[in-house]
């Protein structure tokens, strides 16, 4: 099956700023389920092996979209590097939810897409954002979390928080690039102003979609206990733990192979099987 790739599509969200998206889908006359991949903290659409995962979803009969959040620190000119640290520092959850809504609205109107079959796949912090969006948007019929957090209340503690409030910024080193990534205090102010909206636990309980929760048991960044908790909050969800898998399921940046790492391939096939059972073959009245 021929896979069509449309890469670096320019999207202009009037509530944030321009950003880029990719779409992978098979050449077919059929309407396809829309799968939107949501990257996490210090992530971006071209990281590691996400492109190979997208191609596999397309081969399996899905319209797969991945995108850069408008304020993830990348730029239109350089979508795979953190060239705009000022934008990164001014990111917040409201902006990410706005961008995700824009992506769903844009691609659900594509001729190849079945707007009655929309799925979100969120990795890490993107999992938390996807859970909130699923609770808010009745159009979303499937939700898959990959190594997801179970709360977005992840801020400096005690004295470090006081320093952040006083200084207006704190920095986190990017382990790969060694850049000092700024976080302006507006990030917490946005969270505080939208505390109930950003309650991932409540949103997980409210989610009406078919839910698959995936986590690696050797996740060094987000404990698999987060996914155990998410599964308990939504008992209708399915929990899939990958033995000895890390936070990115064996991928890395750059990923120079032309095949998926074993753990990510395993996860991808599980996701496809889950969506085929719950979404593709589901009958709507």
Protein backbone atom coordinates (compact mmCIF):
# COMPACT_ATOMS: atom_id res chain seq x y z
CA UNK A 1 0.00 0.00 0.00
CA UNK A 2 1.42 3.37 -1.04
CA UNK A 3 1.82 5.84 1.83
CA UNK A 4 1.36 9.53 1.04
CA UNK A 5 3.48 11.89 3.14
CA UNK A 6 2.66 15.57 3.54
CA UNK A 7 5.36 17.07 5.74
CA UNK A 8 5.84 20.49 7.32
CA UNK A 9 2.30 21.68 6.66
CA UNK A 10 2.00 25.26 7.90
CA UNK A 11 -0.82 25.82 10.39
CA UNK A 12 -1.76 29.29 11.66
CA UNK A 13 -3.53 29.27 15.00
CA UNK A 14 -4.71 32.87 15.61
CA UNK A 15 -4.69 32.26 19.37
CA UNK A 16 -1.03 31.17 19.51
CA UNK A 17 1.30 31.32 16.50
CA UNK A 18 2.24 29.40 13.38
CA UNK A 19 3.48 25.82 13.69
CA UNK A 20 4.10 22.76 11.51
CA UNK A 21 2.40 19.39 11.12
CA UNK A 22 2.94 16.17 9.13
CA UNK A 23 0.29 13.84 7.72
CA UNK A 24 0.83 10.21 6.65
CA UNK A 25 -1.99 8.22 5.05
CA UNK A 26 -2.53 5.44 2.51
CA UNK A 27 -3.60 6.09 -1.05
CA UNK A 28 -7.24 5.01 -0.91
CA UNK A 29 -10.76 6.15 -1.68
CA UNK A 30 -11.99 5.16 1.77
CA UNK A 31 -12.52 7.55 4.66
CA UNK A 32 -9.82 6.95 7.26
CA UNK A 33 -9.77 7.26 11.06
CA UNK A 34 -7.80 10.32 12.14
CA UNK A 35 -4.97 9.62 14.60
CA UNK A 36 -3.32 12.71 16.13
CA UNK A 37 0.00 12.22 17.93
CA UNK A 38 0.72 14.68 20.75
CA UNK A 39 4.37 15.05 21.76
CA UNK A 40 5.55 15.70 25.30
CA UNK A 41 7.78 18.05 27.27
CA UNK A 42 10.97 18.96 25.38
CA UNK A 43 9.54 16.92 22.49
CA UNK A 44 8.82 17.71 18.86
CA UNK A 45 7.21 15.99 15.88
CA UNK A 46 10.47 14.90 14.22
CA UNK A 47 12.08 13.43 17.33
CA UNK A 48 13.53 9.91 17.10
CA UNK A 49 11.38 7.31 15.39
CA UNK A 50 7.97 9.04 15.48
CA UNK A 51 8.07 9.31 11.66
CA UNK A 52 8.42 5.53 11.34
CA UNK A 53 5.54 5.05 13.76
CA UNK A 54 3.45 7.40 11.63
CA UNK A 55 4.27 5.48 8.46
CA UNK A 56 3.25 2.22 10.14
CA UNK A 57 -0.10 3.67 11.16
CA UNK A 58 -0.63 4.84 7.58
CA UNK A 59 0.20 1.39 6.24
CA UNK A 60 -2.43 0.01 8.64
CA UNK A 61 -5.12 2.28 7.20
CA UNK A 62 -5.06 5.39 9.39
CA UNK A 63 -4.64 9.09 8.68
CA UNK A 64 -1.77 9.86 11.07
CA UNK A 65 -0.88 13.41 12.07
CA UNK A 66 1.99 14.65 14.22
CA UNK A 67 2.73 18.29 14.93
CA UNK A 68 4.89 20.73 16.85
CA UNK A 69 3.16 22.69 19.57
CA UNK A 70 3.46 26.36 18.63
CA UNK A 71 5.51 27.16 21.73
CA UNK A 72 7.61 23.99 22.05
CA UNK A 73 10.76 25.95 21.19
CA UNK A 74 11.17 24.86 17.59
CA UNK A 75 10.66 27.21 14.66
CA UNK A 76 9.09 27.08 11.21
CA UNK A 77 12.57 27.36 9.69
CA UNK A 78 14.11 24.71 11.97
CA UNK A 79 11.37 22.37 13.25
CA UNK A 80 13.74 19.85 14.84
CA UNK A 81 15.86 22.15 17.04
CA UNK A 82 15.07 24.41 19.98
CA UNK A 83 15.87 27.69 18.22
CA UNK A 84 13.23 29.77 20.04
CA UNK A 85 13.80 29.45 23.77
CA UNK A 86 11.70 32.56 24.38
CA UNK A 87 8.68 30.75 22.93
CA UNK A 88 9.53 27.68 25.01
CA UNK A 89 9.57 29.79 28.16
CA UNK A 90 6.19 31.28 27.29
CA UNK A 91 4.52 27.93 26.65
CA UNK A 92 1.64 26.79 28.85
CA UNK A 93 -1.11 24.19 28.95
CA UNK A 94 -3.75 26.56 27.58
CA UNK A 95 -1.66 27.16 24.46
CA UNK A 96 -1.07 23.43 23.98
CA UNK A 97 -4.80 22.66 24.24
CA UNK A 98 -5.53 25.47 21.79
CA UNK A 99 -3.02 24.07 19.31
CA UNK A 100 -4.41 20.55 19.69
CA UNK A 101 -7.94 21.79 19.05
CA UNK A 102 -6.71 23.62 15.96
CA UNK A 103 -5.02 20.48 14.64
CA UNK A 104 -8.14 18.36 15.16
CA UNK A 105 -10.39 20.96 13.53
CA UNK A 106 -8.04 21.33 10.56
CA UNK A 107 -7.39 17.68 9.74
CA UNK A 108 -10.90 16.38 10.51
CA UNK A 109 -12.04 18.37 7.45
CA UNK A 110 -9.61 16.64 5.08
CA UNK A 111 -11.31 14.65 2.31
CA UNK A 112 -9.58 11.43 3.35
CA UNK A 113 -10.69 11.63 6.99
CA UNK A 114 -13.69 10.06 8.69
CA UNK A 115 -14.59 12.80 11.19
CA UNK A 116 -16.58 10.27 13.23
CA UNK A 117 -13.41 8.35 14.10
CA UNK A 118 -10.90 10.60 15.83
CA UNK A 119 -8.11 9.26 18.06
CA UNK A 120 -5.49 10.99 20.21
CA UNK A 121 -2.14 9.42 21.09
CA UNK A 122 -0.30 11.39 23.75
CA UNK A 123 3.27 10.75 24.89
CA UNK A 124 4.44 11.78 28.37
CA UNK A 125 3.09 15.26 29.15
CA UNK A 126 1.25 15.04 25.84
CA UNK A 127 -0.69 12.18 27.43
CA UNK A 128 -2.01 14.52 30.10
CA UNK A 129 -2.97 17.11 27.48
CA UNK A 130 -4.70 14.39 25.42
CA UNK A 131 -6.67 13.18 28.45
CA UNK A 132 -7.98 16.69 29.10
CA UNK A 133 -8.91 17.19 25.45
CA UNK A 134 -10.71 13.84 25.35
CA UNK A 135 -12.84 14.83 28.34
CA UNK A 136 -13.67 18.17 26.69
CA UNK A 137 -14.36 17.07 23.10
CA UNK A 138 -17.08 14.52 22.35
CA UNK A 139 -15.67 14.02 18.84
CA UNK A 140 -12.76 12.01 20.22
CA UNK A 141 -13.59 8.30 20.18
CA UNK A 142 -10.20 6.84 21.02
CA UNK A 143 -7.45 7.80 23.47
CA UNK A 144 -4.05 6.15 23.78
CA UNK A 145 -1.54 7.32 26.37
CA UNK A 146 2.15 6.43 26.00
CA UNK A 147 4.24 6.81 29.18
CA UNK A 148 1.78 9.44 30.34
CA UNK A 149 1.84 11.57 33.45
CA UNK A 150 -1.20 11.32 35.72
CA UNK A 151 -1.03 14.98 36.74
CA UNK A 152 0.06 18.26 35.15
CA UNK A 153 0.91 19.73 38.52
CA UNK A 154 4.64 19.23 38.00
CA UNK A 155 6.46 22.32 39.25
CA UNK A 156 9.46 23.20 41.44
CA UNK A 157 8.94 22.54 45.14
CA UNK A 158 9.41 24.59 48.32
CA UNK A 159 12.35 27.01 48.10
CA UNK A 160 12.85 26.43 44.38
CA UNK A 161 9.23 27.46 43.79
CA UNK A 162 9.68 30.61 45.86
CA UNK A 163 12.76 31.49 43.83
CA UNK A 164 10.82 30.91 40.61
CA UNK A 165 8.07 33.26 41.74
CA UNK A 166 10.57 35.92 42.79
CA UNK A 167 12.85 35.66 39.76
CA UNK A 168 10.09 35.07 37.22
CA UNK A 169 12.02 32.26 35.51
CA UNK A 170 13.75 28.98 36.23
CA UNK A 171 15.92 26.91 33.92
CA UNK A 172 16.09 23.20 33.14
CA UNK A 173 19.02 21.75 31.20
CA UNK A 174 18.21 19.78 28.09
CA UNK A 175 20.17 16.56 28.56
CA UNK A 176 20.68 16.09 24.82
CA UNK A 177 21.48 19.61 23.65
CA UNK A 178 22.77 21.02 26.99
CA UNK A 179 20.64 24.12 26.42
CA UNK A 180 19.27 25.93 29.46
CA UNK A 181 15.52 25.84 28.83
CA UNK A 182 13.63 28.75 30.46
CA UNK A 183 10.28 28.41 32.20
CA UNK A 184 8.60 31.72 32.94
CA UNK A 185 6.35 32.02 35.96
CA UNK A 186 3.34 32.62 33.69
CA UNK A 187 3.35 28.83 33.19
CA UNK A 188 2.27 28.31 36.80
CA UNK A 189 -0.12 31.27 36.69
CA UNK A 190 -1.88 29.70 33.71
CA UNK A 191 -2.15 26.40 35.59
CA UNK A 192 -3.46 28.10 38.72
CA UNK A 193 -6.08 30.04 36.74
CA UNK A 194 -7.30 26.83 35.07
CA UNK A 195 -6.78 24.42 37.94
CA UNK A 196 -10.05 22.52 37.50
CA UNK A 197 -9.73 22.34 33.72
CA UNK A 198 -6.24 20.88 34.02
CA UNK A 199 -7.24 18.18 36.52
CA UNK A 200 -6.00 15.10 34.66
CA UNK A 201 -7.44 12.69 37.24
CA UNK A 202 -10.94 14.12 36.92
CA UNK A 203 -10.67 14.18 33.12
CA UNK A 204 -9.56 10.55 33.03
CA UNK A 205 -12.59 9.60 35.08
CA UNK A 206 -14.82 11.56 32.69
CA UNK A 207 -13.31 10.28 29.44
CA UNK A 208 -15.98 8.52 27.35
CA UNK A 209 -13.62 7.34 24.61
CA UNK A 210 -12.10 3.89 24.21
CA UNK A 211 -8.89 4.16 26.23
CA UNK A 212 -5.59 2.27 26.02
CA UNK A 213 -2.93 3.07 28.63
CA UNK A 214 0.65 2.06 27.67
CA UNK A 215 3.79 2.31 29.77
CA UNK A 216 7.26 0.80 30.02
CA UNK A 217 8.15 -0.85 33.31
CA UNK A 218 11.68 0.64 33.18
CA UNK A 219 10.58 4.21 32.47
CA UNK A 220 13.27 6.47 33.91
CA UNK A 221 11.31 9.73 33.46
CA UNK A 222 7.68 8.96 34.38
CA UNK A 223 7.05 6.02 36.69
CA UNK A 224 4.72 3.31 35.39
CA UNK A 225 2.73 3.92 38.60
CA UNK A 226 1.29 6.92 36.74
CA UNK A 227 -0.34 4.59 34.23
CA UNK A 228 -1.49 2.19 36.96
CA UNK A 229 -3.26 5.18 38.48
CA UNK A 230 -4.80 6.29 35.17
CA UNK A 231 -6.12 2.78 34.62
CA UNK A 232 -7.71 2.75 38.08
CA UNK A 233 -9.34 6.11 37.40
CA UNK A 234 -10.94 4.75 34.23
CA UNK A 235 -11.68 1.05 34.83
CA UNK A 236 -12.99 0.65 31.28
CA UNK A 237 -9.53 1.41 29.97
CA UNK A 238 -7.04 -1.26 28.93
CA UNK A 239 -3.58 -1.27 30.52
CA UNK A 240 -0.59 -2.50 28.51
CA UNK A 241 2.77 -2.62 30.27
CA UNK A 242 5.91 -3.23 28.24
CA UNK A 243 8.53 -5.11 30.23
CA UNK A 244 11.88 -3.32 30.55
CA UNK A 245 10.86 -0.53 28.15
CA UNK A 246 12.10 2.98 28.87
CA UNK A 247 10.31 6.33 28.52
CA UNK A 248 10.63 6.41 24.72
CA UNK A 249 10.26 2.66 24.13
CA UNK A 250 13.79 2.13 22.89
CA UNK A 251 13.98 5.11 20.53
CA UNK A 252 16.54 7.92 20.65
CA UNK A 253 17.43 11.13 18.87
CA UNK A 254 18.64 10.87 16.23
CA UNK A 255 17.15 7.52 15.18
CA UNK A 256 19.18 6.47 12.16
CA UNK A 257 17.67 3.06 11.46
CA UNK A 258 14.90 2.54 8.90
CA UNK A 259 12.90 0.33 11.26
CA UNK A 260 11.25 0.88 14.62
CA UNK A 261 13.03 -0.14 17.84
CA UNK A 262 11.65 -3.40 19.19
CA UNK A 263 9.64 -1.95 22.08
CA UNK A 264 8.15 0.88 20.03
CA UNK A 265 7.25 -1.57 17.26
CA UNK A 266 5.50 -3.73 19.84
CA UNK A 267 3.60 -0.71 21.17
CA UNK A 268 2.66 0.45 17.68
CA UNK A 269 1.17 -2.93 16.75
CA UNK A 270 -0.73 -3.03 20.05
CA UNK A 271 -2.17 0.41 19.34
CA UNK A 272 -3.18 -0.58 15.81
CA UNK A 273 -4.86 -3.76 17.03
CA UNK A 274 -6.68 -1.82 19.76
CA UNK A 275 -7.95 0.80 17.30
CA UNK A 276 -9.00 -1.80 14.75
CA UNK A 277 -11.08 -3.54 17.41
CA UNK A 278 -12.52 -0.49 19.16
CA UNK A 279 -12.70 2.21 16.48
CA UNK A 280 -12.45 0.83 12.94
CA UNK A 281 -14.93 -1.98 13.44
CA UNK A 282 -17.21 -0.06 15.80
CA UNK A 283 -20.66 0.55 14.40
CA UNK A 284 -22.16 4.01 14.85
CA UNK A 285 -25.91 4.47 14.88
